[in-house]
Amino acid sequence: MCLFCKIVNKEIPANVILEDDDFLAFHDINPKAPVHILAIPKMHVDSFNEANGNLMGKMSNFIQKVALEVDIAKSGYRVITNVGFNGGQEVLHLHFHILGGAKLKWEHFSDADPKGHF
């Protein structure tokens, strides 16, 4: 069972922000912004590559509710999902990073080498 499935099953504690029948949102343990929330489906899905349109529609609505709950909907926020090794995915369970609370930068791309990719 993956780490996020253990959080869903309450086997590992998490600082939960919002939860419904299908999704769970909790604070990231290694925040990259003043507000850094992870939103996950309770059903195990490895990554965005395996997600269907129905799941993503519901997930979008849930993420919007999370942004309202943590008071970043009006000021702005970023939603990121990493897919696979090169995309930086560390936990094989679909999850979205919701970042906000400050003007966000793009410095995380500074280590990427774009040569030969275009």
PDB file of N, CA and C in Angstrom:
ATOM      1  N   MET A   1       0.849  -1.178   0.000  1.00  0.00           N
ATOM      2  CA  MET A   1       0.000   0.000   0.000  1.00  0.00           C
ATOM      3  C   MET A   1       0.894   1.241   0.000  1.00  0.00           C
ATOM      4  N   CYS A   2       0.565   2.209  -0.843  1.00  0.00           N
ATOM      5  CA  CYS A   2       1.397   3.405  -0.961  1.00  0.00           C
ATOM      6  C   CYS A   2       1.184   4.356   0.230  1.00  0.00           C
ATOM      7  N   LEU A   3       2.092   5.308   0.358  1.00  0.00           N
ATOM      8  CA  LEU A   3       2.067   6.282   1.451  1.00  0.00           C
ATOM      9  C   LEU A   3       0.737   7.031   1.520  1.00  0.00           C
ATOM     10  N   PHE A   4       0.232   7.517   0.371  1.00  0.00           N
ATOM     11  CA  PHE A   4      -0.998   8.296   0.385  1.00  0.00           C
ATOM     12  C   PHE A   4      -2.218   7.431   0.681  1.00  0.00           C
ATOM     13  N   CYS A   5      -2.206   6.180   0.265  1.00  0.00           N
ATOM     14  CA  CYS A   5      -3.300   5.271   0.623  1.00  0.00           C
ATOM     15  C   CYS A   5      -3.318   5.047   2.140  1.00  0.00           C
ATOM     16  N   LYS A   6      -2.148   5.002   2.754  1.00  0.00           N
ATOM     17  CA  LYS A   6      -2.069   4.861   4.215  1.00  0.00           C
ATOM     18  C   LYS A   6      -2.620   6.106   4.906  1.00  0.00           C
ATOM     19  N   ILE A   7      -2.403   7.276   4.318  1.00  0.00           N
ATOM     20  CA  ILE A   7      -2.977   8.509   4.872  1.00  0.00           C
ATOM     21  C   ILE A   7      -4.494   8.474   4.736  1.00  0.00           C
ATOM     22  N   VAL A   8      -4.992   8.061   3.574  1.00  0.00           N
ATOM     23  CA  VAL A   8      -6.440   7.947   3.361  1.00  0.00           C
ATOM     24  C   VAL A   8      -7.051   6.996   4.385  1.00  0.00           C
ATOM     25  N   ASN A   9      -6.365   5.881   4.669  1.00  0.00           N
ATOM     26  CA  ASN A   9      -6.864   4.875   5.614  1.00  0.00           C
ATOM     27  C   ASN A   9      -6.595   5.224   7.071  1.00  0.00           C
ATOM     28  N   LYS A  10      -6.042   6.418   7.318  1.00  0.00           N
ATOM     29  CA  LYS A  10      -5.761   6.910   8.679  1.00  0.00           C
ATOM     30  C   LYS A  10      -4.699   6.072   9.396  1.00  0.00           C
ATOM     31  N   GLU A  11      -3.848   5.389   8.615  1.00  0.00           N
ATOM     32  CA  GLU A  11      -2.738   4.632   9.196  1.00  0.00           C
ATOM     33  C   GLU A  11      -1.545   5.533   9.477  1.00  0.00           C
ATOM     34  N   ILE A  12      -1.479   6.649   8.749  1.00  0.00           N
ATOM     35  CA  ILE A  12      -0.447   7.667   8.932  1.00  0.00           C
ATOM     36  C   ILE A  12      -1.175   8.994   9.130  1.00  0.00           C
ATOM     37  N   PRO A  13      -0.790   9.765  10.152  1.00  0.00           N
ATOM     38  CA  PRO A  13      -1.491  11.041  10.381  1.00  0.00           C
ATOM     39  C   PRO A  13      -1.133  12.088   9.328  1.00  0.00           C
ATOM     40  N   ALA A  14      -2.061  12.993   9.113  1.00  0.00           N
ATOM     41  CA  ALA A  14      -1.847  14.125   8.206  1.00  0.00           C
ATOM     42  C   ALA A  14      -2.639  15.309   8.741  1.00  0.00           C
ATOM     43  N   ASN A  15      -2.157  16.494   8.429  1.00  0.00           N
ATOM     44  CA  ASN A  15      -2.835  17.730   8.818  1.00  0.00           C
ATOM     45  C   ASN A  15      -3.877  18.027   7.726  1.00  0.00           C
ATOM     46  N   VAL A  16      -5.064  17.479   7.902  1.00  0.00           N
ATOM     47  CA  VAL A  16      -6.113  17.536   6.880  1.00  0.00           C
ATOM     48  C   VAL A  16      -6.761  18.909   6.833  1.00  0.00           C
ATOM     49  N   ILE A  17      -6.935  19.409   5.609  1.00  0.00           N
ATOM     50  CA  ILE A  17      -7.586  20.691   5.352  1.00  0.00           C
ATOM     51  C   ILE A  17      -9.039  20.485   4.963  1.00  0.00           C
ATOM     52  N   LEU A  18      -9.266  19.524   4.066  1.00  0.00           N
ATOM     53  CA  LEU A  18     -10.602  19.277   3.540  1.00  0.00           C
ATOM     54  C   LEU A  18     -10.696  17.818   3.113  1.00  0.00           C
ATOM     55  N   GLU A  19     -11.894  17.249   3.323  1.00  0.00           N
ATOM     56  CA  GLU A  19     -12.111  15.853   2.950  1.00  0.00           C
ATOM     57  C   GLU A  19     -13.563  15.679   2.553  1.00  0.00           C
ATOM     58  N   ASP A  20     -13.777  14.867   1.522  1.00  0.00           N
ATOM     59  CA  ASP A  20     -15.124  14.443   1.172  1.00  0.00           C
ATOM     60  C   ASP A  20     -15.090  12.948   0.867  1.00  0.00           C
ATOM     61  N   ASP A  21     -16.122  12.420   0.266  1.00  0.00           N
ATOM     62  CA  ASP A  21     -16.175  10.979   0.010  1.00  0.00           C
ATOM     63  C   ASP A  21     -15.095  10.499  -0.952  1.00  0.00           C
ATOM     64  N   ASP A  22     -14.659  11.375  -1.857  1.00  0.00           N
ATOM     65  CA  ASP A  22     -13.747  10.960  -2.924  1.00  0.00           C
ATOM     66  C   ASP A  22     -12.326  11.499  -2.828  1.00  0.00           C
ATOM     67  N   PHE A  23     -12.140  12.607  -2.087  1.00  0.00           N
ATOM     68  CA  PHE A  23     -10.843  13.285  -2.095  1.00  0.00           C
ATOM     69  C   PHE A  23     -10.410  13.703  -0.700  1.00  0.00           C
ATOM     70  N   LEU A  24      -9.104  13.949  -0.575  1.00  0.00           N
ATOM     71  CA  LEU A  24      -8.508  14.376   0.680  1.00  0.00           C
ATOM     72  C   LEU A  24      -7.467  15.440   0.369  1.00  0.00           C
ATOM     73  N   ALA A  25      -7.419  16.498   1.176  1.00  0.00           N
ATOM     74  CA  ALA A  25      -6.408  17.547   1.038  1.00  0.00           C
ATOM     75  C   ALA A  25      -5.734  17.750   2.384  1.00  0.00           C
ATOM     76  N   PHE A  26      -4.410  17.828   2.349  1.00  0.00           N
ATOM     77  CA  PHE A  26      -3.643  17.973   3.587  1.00  0.00           C
ATOM     78  C   PHE A  26      -2.371  18.763   3.317  1.00  0.00           C
ATOM     79  N   HIS A  27      -1.791  19.317   4.389  1.00  0.00           N
ATOM     80  CA  HIS A  27      -0.563  20.096   4.267  1.00  0.00           C
ATOM     81  C   HIS A  27       0.593  19.199   3.844  1.00  0.00           C
ATOM     82  N   ASP A  28       1.414  19.708   2.921  1.00  0.00           N
ATOM     83  CA  ASP A  28       2.641  19.017   2.520  1.00  0.00           C
ATOM     84  C   ASP A  28       3.634  19.094   3.684  1.00  0.00           C
ATOM     85  N   ILE A  29       4.350  18.011   3.944  1.00  0.00           N
ATOM     86  CA  ILE A  29       5.307  18.010   5.066  1.00  0.00           C
ATOM     87  C   ILE A  29       6.605  18.739   4.721  1.00  0.00           C
ATOM     88  N   ASN A  30       6.809  19.052   3.437  1.00  0.00           N
ATOM     89  CA  ASN A  30       7.991  19.785   2.998  1.00  0.00           C
ATOM     90  C   ASN A  30       7.546  20.958   2.124  1.00  0.00           C
ATOM     91  N   PRO A  31       6.938  21.984   2.738  1.00  0.00           N
ATOM     92  CA  PRO A  31       6.320  23.057   1.949  1.00  0.00           C
ATOM     93  C   PRO A  31       7.312  23.861   1.125  1.00  0.00           C
ATOM     94  N   LYS A  32       6.862  24.234  -0.085  1.00  0.00           N
ATOM     95  CA  LYS A  32       7.652  25.057  -1.001  1.00  0.00           C
ATOM     96  C   LYS A  32       7.072  26.459  -1.137  1.00  0.00           C
ATOM     97  N   ALA A  33       6.016  26.742  -0.401  1.00  0.00           N
ATOM     98  CA  ALA A  33       5.360  28.054  -0.409  1.00  0.00           C
ATOM     99  C   ALA A  33       4.673  28.222   0.943  1.00  0.00           C
ATOM    100  N   PRO A  34       4.277  29.454   1.298  1.00  0.00           N
ATOM    101  CA  PRO A  34       3.576  29.651   2.567  1.00  0.00           C
ATOM    102  C   PRO A  34       2.342  28.748   2.707  1.00  0.00           C
ATOM    103  N   VAL A  35       1.635  28.523   1.611  1.00  0.00           N
ATOM    104  CA  VAL A  35       0.535  27.557   1.586  1.00  0.00           C
ATOM    105  C   VAL A  35       0.936  26.479   0.599  1.00  0.00           C
ATOM    106  N   HIS A  36       1.029  25.237   1.078  1.00  0.00           N
ATOM    107  CA  HIS A  36       1.384  24.103   0.208  1.00  0.00           C
ATOM    108  C   HIS A  36       0.547  22.909   0.654  1.00  0.00           C
ATOM    109  N   ILE A  37      -0.492  22.658  -0.120  1.00  0.00           N
ATOM    110  CA  ILE A  37      -1.457  21.606   0.177  1.00  0.00           C
ATOM    111  C   ILE A  37      -1.349  20.527  -0.896  1.00  0.00           C
ATOM    112  N   LEU A  38      -1.509  19.274  -0.499  1.00  0.00           N
ATOM    113  CA  LEU A  38      -1.625  18.173  -1.448  1.00  0.00           C
ATOM    114  C   LEU A  38      -3.076  17.744  -1.509  1.00  0.00           C
ATOM    115  N   ALA A  39      -3.590  17.584  -2.713  1.00  0.00           N
ATOM    116  CA  ALA A  39      -4.954  17.088  -2.922  1.00  0.00           C
ATOM    117  C   ALA A  39      -4.855  15.759  -3.657  1.00  0.00           C
ATOM    118  N   ILE A  40      -5.517  14.735  -3.121  1.00  0.00           N
ATOM    119  CA  ILE A  40      -5.428  13.394  -3.696  1.00  0.00           C
ATOM    120  C   ILE A  40      -6.812  12.766  -3.807  1.00  0.00           C
ATOM    121  N   PRO A  41      -6.974  11.880  -4.789  1.00  0.00           N
ATOM    122  CA  PRO A  41      -8.185  11.066  -4.777  1.00  0.00           C
ATOM    123  C   PRO A  41      -8.009   9.969  -3.731  1.00  0.00           C
ATOM    124  N   LYS A  42      -9.071   9.585  -3.075  1.00  0.00           N
ATOM    125  CA  LYS A  42      -8.980   8.500  -2.096  1.00  0.00           C
ATOM    126  C   LYS A  42      -8.751   7.154  -2.782  1.00  0.00           C
ATOM    127  N   MET A  43      -9.294   7.018  -3.986  1.00  0.00           N
ATOM    128  CA  MET A  43      -9.060   5.818  -4.773  1.00  0.00           C
ATOM    129  C   MET A  43      -7.634   5.889  -5.328  1.00  0.00           C
ATOM    130  N   HIS A  44      -6.903   4.794  -5.266  1.00  0.00           N
ATOM    131  CA  HIS A  44      -5.533   4.802  -5.782  1.00  0.00           C
ATOM    132  C   HIS A  44      -5.519   4.886  -7.305  1.00  0.00           C
ATOM    133  N   VAL A  45      -4.827   5.901  -7.787  1.00  0.00           N
ATOM    134  CA  VAL A  45      -4.537   6.101  -9.205  1.00  0.00           C
ATOM    135  C   VAL A  45      -3.054   6.462  -9.245  1.00  0.00           C
ATOM    136  N   ASP A  46      -2.256   5.744 -10.038  1.00  0.00           N
ATOM    137  CA  ASP A  46      -0.808   5.975 -10.021  1.00  0.00           C
ATOM    138  C   ASP A  46      -0.410   7.403 -10.368  1.00  0.00           C
ATOM    139  N   SER A  47      -0.961   7.950 -11.453  1.00  0.00           N
ATOM    140  CA  SER A  47      -0.544   9.281 -11.891  1.00  0.00           C
ATOM    141  C   SER A  47      -1.604   9.877 -12.811  1.00  0.00           C
ATOM    142  N   PHE A  48      -1.334  11.073 -13.262  1.00  0.00           N
ATOM    143  CA  PHE A  48      -2.218  11.771 -14.193  1.00  0.00           C
ATOM    144  C   PHE A  48      -2.435  10.951 -15.464  1.00  0.00           C
ATOM    145  N   ASN A  49      -1.451  10.169 -15.869  1.00  0.00           N
ATOM    146  CA  ASN A  49      -1.578   9.340 -17.068  1.00  0.00           C
ATOM    147  C   ASN A  49      -2.713   8.335 -16.966  1.00  0.00           C
ATOM    148  N   GLU A  50      -3.075   7.929 -15.778  1.00  0.00           N
ATOM    149  CA  GLU A  50      -4.133   6.944 -15.573  1.00  0.00           C
ATOM    150  C   GLU A  50      -5.470   7.577 -15.199  1.00  0.00           C
ATOM    151  N   ALA A  51      -5.522   8.887 -15.036  1.00  0.00           N
ATOM    152  CA  ALA A  51      -6.748   9.579 -14.611  1.00  0.00           C
ATOM    153  C   ALA A  51      -7.695   9.764 -15.797  1.00  0.00           C
ATOM    154  N   ASN A  52      -8.993   9.572 -15.545  1.00  0.00           N
ATOM    155  CA  ASN A  52      -9.980   9.801 -16.604  1.00  0.00           C
ATOM    156  C   ASN A  52     -10.644  11.160 -16.416  1.00  0.00           C
ATOM    157  N   GLY A  53     -11.418  11.567 -17.421  1.00  0.00           N
ATOM    158  CA  GLY A  53     -12.053  12.877 -17.406  1.00  0.00           C
ATOM    159  C   GLY A  53     -13.025  13.070 -16.267  1.00  0.00           C
ATOM    160  N   ASN A  54     -13.759  12.030 -15.908  1.00  0.00           N
ATOM    161  CA  ASN A  54     -14.713  12.122 -14.806  1.00  0.00           C
ATOM    162  C   ASN A  54     -13.987  12.426 -13.492  1.00  0.00           C
ATOM    163  N   LEU A  55     -12.912  11.696 -13.231  1.00  0.00           N
ATOM    164  CA  LEU A  55     -12.117  11.927 -12.018  1.00  0.00           C
ATOM    165  C   LEU A  55     -11.550  13.341 -12.016  1.00  0.00           C
ATOM    166  N   MET A  56     -11.015  13.769 -13.161  1.00  0.00           N
ATOM    167  CA  MET A  56     -10.381  15.090 -13.216  1.00  0.00           C
ATOM    168  C   MET A  56     -11.394  16.215 -13.048  1.00  0.00           C
ATOM    169  N   GLY A  57     -12.603  16.035 -13.561  1.00  0.00           N
ATOM    170  CA  GLY A  57     -13.640  17.045 -13.352  1.00  0.00           C
ATOM    171  C   GLY A  57     -13.968  17.214 -11.885  1.00  0.00           C
ATOM    172  N   LYS A  58     -14.144  16.098 -11.192  1.00  0.00           N
ATOM    173  CA  LYS A  58     -14.434  16.148  -9.753  1.00  0.00           C
ATOM    174  C   LYS A  58     -13.236  16.684  -8.975  1.00  0.00           C
ATOM    175  N   MET A  59     -12.036  16.290  -9.398  1.00  0.00           N
ATOM    176  CA  MET A  59     -10.822  16.747  -8.724  1.00  0.00           C
ATOM    177  C   MET A  59     -10.682  18.257  -8.861  1.00  0.00           C
ATOM    178  N   SER A  60     -10.998  18.802 -10.047  1.00  0.00           N
ATOM    179  CA  SER A  60     -10.925  20.253 -10.250  1.00  0.00           C
ATOM    180  C   SER A  60     -11.844  20.988  -9.280  1.00  0.00           C
ATOM    181  N   ASN A  61     -13.062  20.504  -9.133  1.00  0.00           N
ATOM    182  CA  ASN A  61     -14.005  21.122  -8.194  1.00  0.00           C
ATOM    183  C   ASN A  61     -13.475  21.053  -6.766  1.00  0.00           C
ATOM    184  N   PHE A  62     -12.898  19.924  -6.397  1.00  0.00           N
ATOM    185  CA  PHE A  62     -12.355  19.764  -5.048  1.00  0.00           C
ATOM    186  C   PHE A  62     -11.199  20.738  -4.811  1.00  0.00           C
ATOM    187  N   ILE A  63     -10.287  20.856  -5.779  1.00  0.00           N
ATOM    188  CA  ILE A  63      -9.149  21.765  -5.638  1.00  0.00           C
ATOM    189  C   ILE A  63      -9.635  23.206  -5.486  1.00  0.00           C
ATOM    190  N   GLN A  64     -10.664  23.592  -6.208  1.00  0.00           N
ATOM    191  CA  GLN A  64     -11.224  24.939  -6.062  1.00  0.00           C
ATOM    192  C   GLN A  64     -11.765  25.154  -4.653  1.00  0.00           C
ATOM    193  N   LYS A  65     -12.398  24.150  -4.080  1.00  0.00           N
ATOM    194  CA  LYS A  65     -12.892  24.251  -2.700  1.00  0.00           C
ATOM    195  C   LYS A  65     -11.740  24.383  -1.711  1.00  0.00           C
ATOM    196  N   VAL A  66     -10.657  23.651  -1.964  1.00  0.00           N
ATOM    197  CA  VAL A  66      -9.477  23.745  -1.090  1.00  0.00           C
ATOM    198  C   VAL A  66      -8.915  25.164  -1.140  1.00  0.00           C
ATOM    199  N   ALA A  67      -8.794  25.739  -2.324  1.00  0.00           N
ATOM    200  CA  ALA A  67      -8.274  27.109  -2.459  1.00  0.00           C
ATOM    201  C   ALA A  67      -9.126  28.102  -1.680  1.00  0.00           C
ATOM    202  N   LEU A  68     -10.433  27.916  -1.709  1.00  0.00           N
ATOM    203  CA  LEU A  68     -11.322  28.766  -0.912  1.00  0.00           C
ATOM    204  C   LEU A  68     -11.106  28.538   0.584  1.00  0.00           C
ATOM    205  N   GLU A  69     -10.970  27.282   0.968  1.00  0.00           N
ATOM    206  CA  GLU A  69     -10.807  26.918   2.383  1.00  0.00           C
ATOM    207  C   GLU A  69      -9.551  27.533   2.996  1.00  0.00           C
ATOM    208  N   VAL A  70      -8.462  27.591   2.235  1.00  0.00           N
ATOM    209  CA  VAL A  70      -7.203  28.136   2.762  1.00  0.00           C
ATOM    210  C   VAL A  70      -6.990  29.589   2.349  1.00  0.00           C
ATOM    211  N   ASP A  71      -8.024  30.215   1.791  1.00  0.00           N
ATOM    212  CA  ASP A  71      -8.072  31.647   1.496  1.00  0.00           C
ATOM    213  C   ASP A  71      -7.015  32.109   0.492  1.00  0.00           C
ATOM    214  N   ILE A  72      -6.832  31.325  -0.580  1.00  0.00           N
ATOM    215  CA  ILE A  72      -5.916  31.752  -1.643  1.00  0.00           C
ATOM    216  C   ILE A  72      -6.625  31.870  -2.997  1.00  0.00           C
ATOM    217  N   ALA A  73      -7.927  31.624  -3.025  1.00  0.00           N
ATOM    218  CA  ALA A  73      -8.660  31.637  -4.291  1.00  0.00           C
ATOM    219  C   ALA A  73      -8.595  32.999  -4.981  1.00  0.00           C
ATOM    220  N   LYS A  74      -8.695  34.071  -4.235  1.00  0.00           N
ATOM    221  CA  LYS A  74      -8.689  35.415  -4.831  1.00  0.00           C
ATOM    222  C   LYS A  74      -7.281  35.929  -5.094  1.00  0.00           C
ATOM    223  N   SER A  75      -6.344  35.656  -4.211  1.00  0.00           N
ATOM    224  CA  SER A  75      -4.985  36.171  -4.384  1.00  0.00           C
ATOM    225  C   SER A  75      -4.210  35.406  -5.449  1.00  0.00           C
ATOM    226  N   GLY A  76      -4.584  34.162  -5.687  1.00  0.00           N
ATOM    227  CA  GLY A  76      -3.939  33.354  -6.713  1.00  0.00           C
ATOM    228  C   GLY A  76      -3.166  32.187  -6.144  1.00  0.00           C
ATOM    229  N   TYR A  77      -3.030  31.175  -6.971  1.00  0.00           N
ATOM    230  CA  TYR A  77      -2.334  29.962  -6.560  1.00  0.00           C
ATOM    231  C   TYR A  77      -1.899  29.175  -7.783  1.00  0.00           C
ATOM    232  N   ARG A  78      -1.065  28.197  -7.558  1.00  0.00           N
ATOM    233  CA  ARG A  78      -0.566  27.321  -8.620  1.00  0.00           C
ATOM    234  C   ARG A  78      -0.976  25.893  -8.294  1.00  0.00           C
ATOM    235  N   VAL A  79      -1.363  25.150  -9.329  1.00  0.00           N
ATOM    236  CA  VAL A  79      -1.704  23.737  -9.187  1.00  0.00           C
ATOM    237  C   VAL A  79      -0.749  22.945 -10.066  1.00  0.00           C
ATOM    238  N   ILE A  80      -0.047  21.990  -9.470  1.00  0.00           N
ATOM    239  CA  ILE A  80       0.961  21.209 -10.189  1.00  0.00           C
ATOM    240  C   ILE A  80       0.763  19.732  -9.891  1.00  0.00           C
ATOM    241  N   THR A  81       0.889  18.914 -10.929  1.00  0.00           N
ATOM    242  CA  THR A  81       1.018  17.484 -10.712  1.00  0.00           C
ATOM    243  C   THR A  81       2.258  17.025 -11.461  1.00  0.00           C
ATOM    244  N   ASN A  82       3.027  16.180 -10.844  1.00  0.00           N
ATOM    245  CA  ASN A  82       4.232  15.630 -11.449  1.00  0.00           C
ATOM    246  C   ASN A  82       3.907  14.228 -11.959  1.00  0.00           C
ATOM    247  N   VAL A  83       4.411  13.893 -13.145  1.00  0.00           N
ATOM    248  CA  VAL A  83       4.127  12.594 -13.746  1.00  0.00           C
ATOM    249  C   VAL A  83       5.438  11.889 -14.059  1.00  0.00           C
ATOM    250  N   GLY A  84       5.649  10.748 -13.445  1.00  0.00           N
ATOM    251  CA  GLY A  84       6.821   9.934 -13.732  1.00  0.00           C
ATOM    252  C   GLY A  84       8.114  10.490 -13.168  1.00  0.00           C
ATOM    253  N   PHE A  85       9.165   9.724 -13.370  1.00  0.00           N
ATOM    254  CA  PHE A  85      10.482  10.040 -12.831  1.00  0.00           C
ATOM    255  C   PHE A  85      10.993  11.396 -13.318  1.00  0.00           C
ATOM    256  N   ASN A  86      11.003  11.612 -14.635  1.00  0.00           N
ATOM    257  CA  ASN A  86      11.517  12.881 -15.167  1.00  0.00           C
ATOM    258  C   ASN A  86      10.638  14.055 -14.790  1.00  0.00           C
ATOM    259  N   GLY A  87       9.366  13.812 -14.511  1.00  0.00           N
ATOM    260  CA  GLY A  87       8.465  14.877 -14.086  1.00  0.00           C
ATOM    261  C   GLY A  87       8.578  15.198 -12.611  1.00  0.00           C
ATOM    262  N   GLY A  88       9.355  14.408 -11.883  1.00  0.00           N
ATOM    263  CA  GLY A  88       9.573  14.663 -10.457  1.00  0.00           C
ATOM    264  C   GLY A  88       8.588  13.983  -9.529  1.00  0.00           C
ATOM    265  N   GLN A  89       7.814  13.009 -10.028  1.00  0.00           N
ATOM    266  CA  GLN A  89       6.850  12.324  -9.168  1.00  0.00           C
ATOM    267  C   GLN A  89       7.585  11.428  -8.192  1.00  0.00           C
ATOM    268  N   GLU A  90       7.366  11.657  -6.902  1.00  0.00           N
ATOM    269  CA  GLU A  90       8.038  10.886  -5.858  1.00  0.00           C
ATOM    270  C   GLU A  90       7.131   9.836  -5.232  1.00  0.00           C
ATOM    271  N   VAL A  91       5.823  10.075  -5.228  1.00  0.00           N
ATOM    272  CA  VAL A  91       4.857   9.113  -4.695  1.00  0.00           C
ATOM    273  C   VAL A  91       3.951   8.690  -5.836  1.00  0.00           C
ATOM    274  N   LEU A  92       3.892   7.393  -6.100  1.00  0.00           N
ATOM    275  CA  LEU A  92       3.052   6.888  -7.188  1.00  0.00           C
ATOM    276  C   LEU A  92       1.597   6.791  -6.736  1.00  0.00           C
ATOM    277  N   HIS A  93       0.996   7.933  -6.563  1.00  0.00           N
ATOM    278  CA  HIS A  93      -0.425   8.105  -6.266  1.00  0.00           C
ATOM    279  C   HIS A  93      -0.737   9.505  -6.771  1.00  0.00           C
ATOM    280  N   LEU A  94      -1.700   9.627  -7.663  1.00  0.00           N
ATOM    281  CA  LEU A  94      -2.044  10.929  -8.226  1.00  0.00           C
ATOM    282  C   LEU A  94      -2.206  11.955  -7.110  1.00  0.00           C
ATOM    283  N   HIS A  95      -1.503  13.065  -7.234  1.00  0.00           N
ATOM    284  CA  HIS A  95      -1.642  14.143  -6.263  1.00  0.00           C
ATOM    285  C   HIS A  95      -1.329  15.471  -6.935  1.00  0.00           C
ATOM    286  N   PHE A  96      -1.998  16.487  -6.440  1.00  0.00           N
ATOM    287  CA  PHE A  96      -1.826  17.837  -6.944  1.00  0.00           C
ATOM    288  C   PHE A  96      -1.299  18.714  -5.831  1.00  0.00           C
ATOM    289  N   HIS A  97      -0.245  19.458  -6.144  1.00  0.00           N
ATOM    290  CA  HIS A  97       0.305  20.447  -5.224  1.00  0.00           C
ATOM    291  C   HIS A  97      -0.465  21.741  -5.448  1.00  0.00           C
ATOM    292  N   ILE A  98      -0.995  22.301  -4.387  1.00  0.00           N
ATOM    293  CA  ILE A  98      -1.688  23.584  -4.439  1.00  0.00           C
ATOM    294  C   ILE A  98      -0.822  24.554  -3.653  1.00  0.00           C
ATOM    295  N   LEU A  99      -0.211  25.500  -4.361  1.00  0.00           N
ATOM    296  CA  LEU A  99       0.746  26.420  -3.751  1.00  0.00           C
ATOM    297  C   LEU A  99       0.244  27.849  -3.839  1.00  0.00           C
ATOM    298  N   GLY A 100       0.409  28.601  -2.768  1.00  0.00           N
ATOM    299  CA  GLY A 100      -0.013  29.990  -2.755  1.00  0.00           C
ATOM    300  C   GLY A 100       0.469  30.697  -1.511  1.00  0.00           C
ATOM    301  N   GLY A 101      -0.132  31.832  -1.263  1.00  0.00           N
ATOM    302  CA  GLY A 101       0.211  32.613  -0.080  1.00  0.00           C
ATOM    303  C   GLY A 101       1.325  33.617  -0.308  1.00  0.00           C
ATOM    304  N   ALA A 102       1.870  33.676  -1.525  1.00  0.00           N
ATOM    305  CA  ALA A 102       2.935  34.616  -1.878  1.00  0.00           C
ATOM    306  C   ALA A 102       3.057  34.628  -3.395  1.00  0.00           C
ATOM    307  N   LYS A 103       3.757  35.618  -3.935  1.00  0.00           N
ATOM    308  CA  LYS A 103       4.050  35.664  -5.367  1.00  0.00           C
ATOM    309  C   LYS A 103       5.027  34.524  -5.661  1.00  0.00           C
ATOM    310  N   LEU A 104       4.613  33.603  -6.503  1.00  0.00           N
ATOM    311  CA  LEU A 104       5.414  32.413  -6.777  1.00  0.00           C
ATOM    312  C   LEU A 104       6.362  32.642  -7.950  1.00  0.00           C
ATOM    313  N   LYS A 105       7.540  31.996  -7.889  1.00  0.00           N
ATOM    314  CA  LYS A 105       8.560  32.110  -8.928  1.00  0.00           C
ATOM    315  C   LYS A 105       8.643  30.789  -9.695  1.00  0.00           C
ATOM    316  N   TRP A 106       9.449  30.774 -10.738  1.00  0.00           N
ATOM    317  CA  TRP A 106       9.667  29.566 -11.553  1.00  0.00           C
ATOM    318  C   TRP A 106      11.085  29.044 -11.401  1.00  0.00           C
ATOM    319  N   GLU A 107      11.752  29.313 -10.309  1.00  0.00           N
ATOM    320  CA  GLU A 107      13.160  28.954 -10.141  1.00  0.00           C
ATOM    321  C   GLU A 107      13.422  27.454 -10.184  1.00  0.00           C
ATOM    322  N   HIS A 108      12.410  26.647  -9.952  1.00  0.00           N
ATOM    323  CA  HIS A 108      12.627  25.196  -9.931  1.00  0.00           C
ATOM    324  C   HIS A 108      13.026  24.654 -11.301  1.00  0.00           C
ATOM    325  N   PHE A 109      12.881  25.450 -12.363  1.00  0.00           N
ATOM    326  CA  PHE A 109      13.287  25.007 -13.682  1.00  0.00           C
ATOM    327  C   PHE A 109      14.765  25.299 -13.954  1.00  0.00           C
ATOM    328  N   SER A 110      15.453  25.958 -13.046  1.00  0.00           N
ATOM    329  CA  SER A 110      16.823  26.376 -13.293  1.00  0.00           C
ATOM    330  C   SER A 110      17.773  25.193 -13.467  1.00  0.00           C
ATOM    331  N   ASP A 111      17.420  24.010 -12.992  1.00  0.00           N
ATOM    332  CA  ASP A 111      18.300  22.853 -13.118  1.00  0.00           C
ATOM    333  C   ASP A 111      17.994  22.017 -14.362  1.00  0.00           C
ATOM    334  N   ALA A 112      16.981  22.362 -15.111  1.00  0.00           N
ATOM    335  CA  ALA A 112      16.622  21.610 -16.312  1.00  0.00           C
ATOM    336  C   ALA A 112      17.450  22.076 -17.500  1.00  0.00           C
ATOM    337  N   ASP A 113      17.867  21.149 -18.343  1.00  0.00           N
ATOM    338  CA  ASP A 113      18.649  21.469 -19.535  1.00  0.00           C
ATOM    339  C   ASP A 113      17.748  21.325 -20.759  1.00  0.00           C
ATOM    340  N   PRO A 114      17.340  22.440 -21.369  1.00  0.00           N
ATOM    341  CA  PRO A 114      16.408  22.360 -22.493  1.00  0.00           C
ATOM    342  C   PRO A 114      17.039  21.935 -23.807  1.00  0.00           C
ATOM    343  N   LYS A 115      18.363  21.829 -23.888  1.00  0.00           N
ATOM    344  CA  LYS A 115      19.037  21.495 -25.147  1.00  0.00           C
ATOM    345  C   LYS A 115      18.582  20.125 -25.643  1.00  0.00           C
ATOM    346  N   GLY A 116      18.222  20.078 -26.900  1.00  0.00           N
ATOM    347  CA  GLY A 116      17.829  18.831 -27.520  1.00  0.00           C
ATOM    348  C   GLY A 116      16.395  18.409 -27.246  1.00  0.00           C
ATOM    349  N   HIS A 117      15.637  19.253 -26.568  1.00  0.00           N
ATOM    350  CA  HIS A 117      14.251  18.903 -26.230  1.00  0.00           C
ATOM    351  C   HIS A 117      13.235  19.652 -27.076  1.00  0.00           C
ATOM    352  N   PHE A 118      13.693  20.516 -27.971  1.00  0.00           N
ATOM    353  CA  PHE A 118      12.748  21.308 -28.775  1.00  0.00           C
ATOM    354  C   PHE A 118      12.981  21.072 -30.246  1.00  0.00           C
TER     355      PHE A 118
END
